[in-house]
Structure formats: C-alpha cells, structure tokens
Protein backbone atom coordinates (compact mmCIF):
# COMPACT_ATOMS: atom_id res chain seq x y z
CA MET A 1 115.89 19.39 25.59
CA ILE A 2 117.02 15.84 26.20
CA VAL A 3 117.82 14.05 22.95
CA TYR A 4 118.59 10.41 22.28
CA LYS A 5 120.94 10.64 19.28
CA LYS A 6 123.54 8.67 21.20
CA LEU A 7 121.02 5.86 21.70
CA GLU A 8 120.28 5.83 17.99
CA LYS A 9 124.03 5.57 17.27
CA ILE A 10 124.42 2.68 19.73
CA LEU A 11 121.56 0.83 18.07
CA GLN A 12 123.07 1.38 14.63
CA ASP A 13 126.51 0.24 15.80
CA ARG A 14 124.96 -2.94 17.18
CA ASN A 15 122.82 -3.53 14.08
CA MET A 16 119.66 -3.08 16.13
CA GLN A 17 116.43 -1.25 15.42
CA TRP A 18 114.36 0.97 17.70
CA LYS A 19 111.86 -1.86 18.19
CA SER A 20 114.69 -4.00 19.62
CA LEU A 21 114.31 -1.94 22.78
CA CYS A 22 111.07 -3.77 23.47
CA ASN A 23 113.30 -6.66 24.55
CA ALA A 24 114.27 -4.44 27.48
CA GLY A 25 110.76 -4.87 28.85
CA ILE A 26 109.39 -1.52 27.75
CA SER A 27 106.07 -1.03 26.00
CA VAL A 28 105.89 -1.07 22.22
CA ASN A 29 105.28 2.68 21.96
CA MET A 30 108.43 3.65 23.90
CA PRO A 31 110.92 3.15 21.04
CA ALA A 32 108.95 5.67 18.96
CA LYS A 33 109.09 8.12 21.85
CA PHE A 34 112.87 7.72 22.05
CA SER A 35 113.22 8.27 18.30
CA LYS A 36 111.16 11.48 18.59
CA ASN A 37 113.02 12.73 21.69
CA LYS A 38 109.92 12.63 23.86
CA PRO A 39 110.27 12.83 27.67
CA MET A 40 111.07 9.53 29.39
CA ASN A 41 110.83 8.56 33.02
CA THR A 42 113.87 7.19 34.78
CA ASP A 43 112.42 3.67 35.01
CA ILE A 44 112.35 3.42 31.22
CA ILE A 45 115.86 4.84 30.90
CA ASN A 46 117.04 2.37 33.54
CA LYS A 47 115.55 -0.60 31.64
CA VAL A 48 117.20 0.48 28.39
CA CYS A 49 120.56 1.04 30.12
CA GLU A 50 120.39 -2.38 31.77
CA TYR A 51 119.45 -4.01 28.47
CA LEU A 52 122.29 -2.33 26.56
CA HIS A 53 124.76 -2.33 29.51
CA VAL A 54 125.43 1.40 29.22
CA GLN A 55 125.31 4.50 31.41
CA PRO A 56 122.49 7.05 30.90
CA SER A 57 125.03 9.59 29.59
CA GLU A 58 125.84 7.12 26.81
CA ILE A 59 122.28 7.18 25.43
CA MET A 60 121.17 10.77 25.93
CA GLU A 61 122.41 14.32 26.04
CA TRP A 62 121.08 17.75 26.88
CA ILE A 63 120.87 20.42 24.18
CA PRO A 64 119.62 23.95 24.96
CA ASP A 65 116.01 24.37 23.82
CA ALA A 66 116.87 27.27 21.50
CA GLU A 67 119.56 25.21 19.77
CA TYR A 68 117.26 22.19 19.46
CA ASN A 69 114.39 24.29 18.09
CA LYS A 70 116.65 25.98 15.53
CA ALA A 71 118.01 22.63 14.35
CA ASN A 72 114.49 21.20 14.18
CA GLU A 73 113.26 24.17 12.11
CA GLU A 74 116.19 23.74 9.71
CA LYS A 75 115.46 20.03 9.43
CA GLN A 76 111.80 20.71 8.63
CA ALA A 77 112.77 23.29 6.00
CA ILE A 78 115.13 20.80 4.35
CA GLU A 79 112.48 18.07 4.42
CA ALA A 80 110.03 20.47 2.77
CA GLN A 81 112.58 21.25 0.06
CA ILE A 82 113.16 17.54 -0.52
CA ALA A 83 109.42 16.93 -0.83
CA GLU A 84 109.12 19.81 -3.29
CA LEU A 85 112.01 18.51 -5.39
CA GLN A 86 110.58 14.99 -5.36
CA ALA A 87 107.24 16.34 -6.58
CA LYS A 88 108.99 18.24 -9.38
CA LEU A 89 110.93 15.14 -10.34
CA LYS A 90 107.74 13.11 -10.44
CA ASN A 91 106.18 15.61 -12.86
CA MET A 92 109.12 15.46 -15.29
C-alpha cells in the first residue's frame, strides 16, 4: 500500500493544508484522495512534486498491505472507543 504520510508532514511543516495542493494544478478532489491514501497516477504525483520541489520518495512510501490493514483496523477500533467515550461523557 502506498501511503502519503510524508506528504502530510511536508504540508504541516510548511503550514499548508491539503487543499493547497490544488495550486499545483490538480483537481479539487485529489487532495482528499491523497489524505485517504487512494491510488494516484504519476501525472498527479509529478505535479505535486513540481509544486513542492520534492522527490516522489519524499511524499510517499510503501507499507506492506498486511501492516497497513492492521494499523487501519487498530485506528478504527480506537476511533470507535473515542466515540463511545464521547457519548458517555455527553450523557453525564
């Protein structure tokens, strides 16, 4: 699985938001795809790299699918726990 955590970190370090990538000449739905680790074609990656003046390896990395899926499941479990605790707090 290709993930774009490095891109997110670059944007944070530069005080930019995902939507700032639209200035690279990509469509408005592409930043959301990056933030959700959706597949990207090389033209889009090229535009973002040119815009940020970085190499592709600086914005993305490969994680084995099993590792990604496990981390994603853990994240969803934690988010469910948070939602449950927030609901309990609301009822107090």
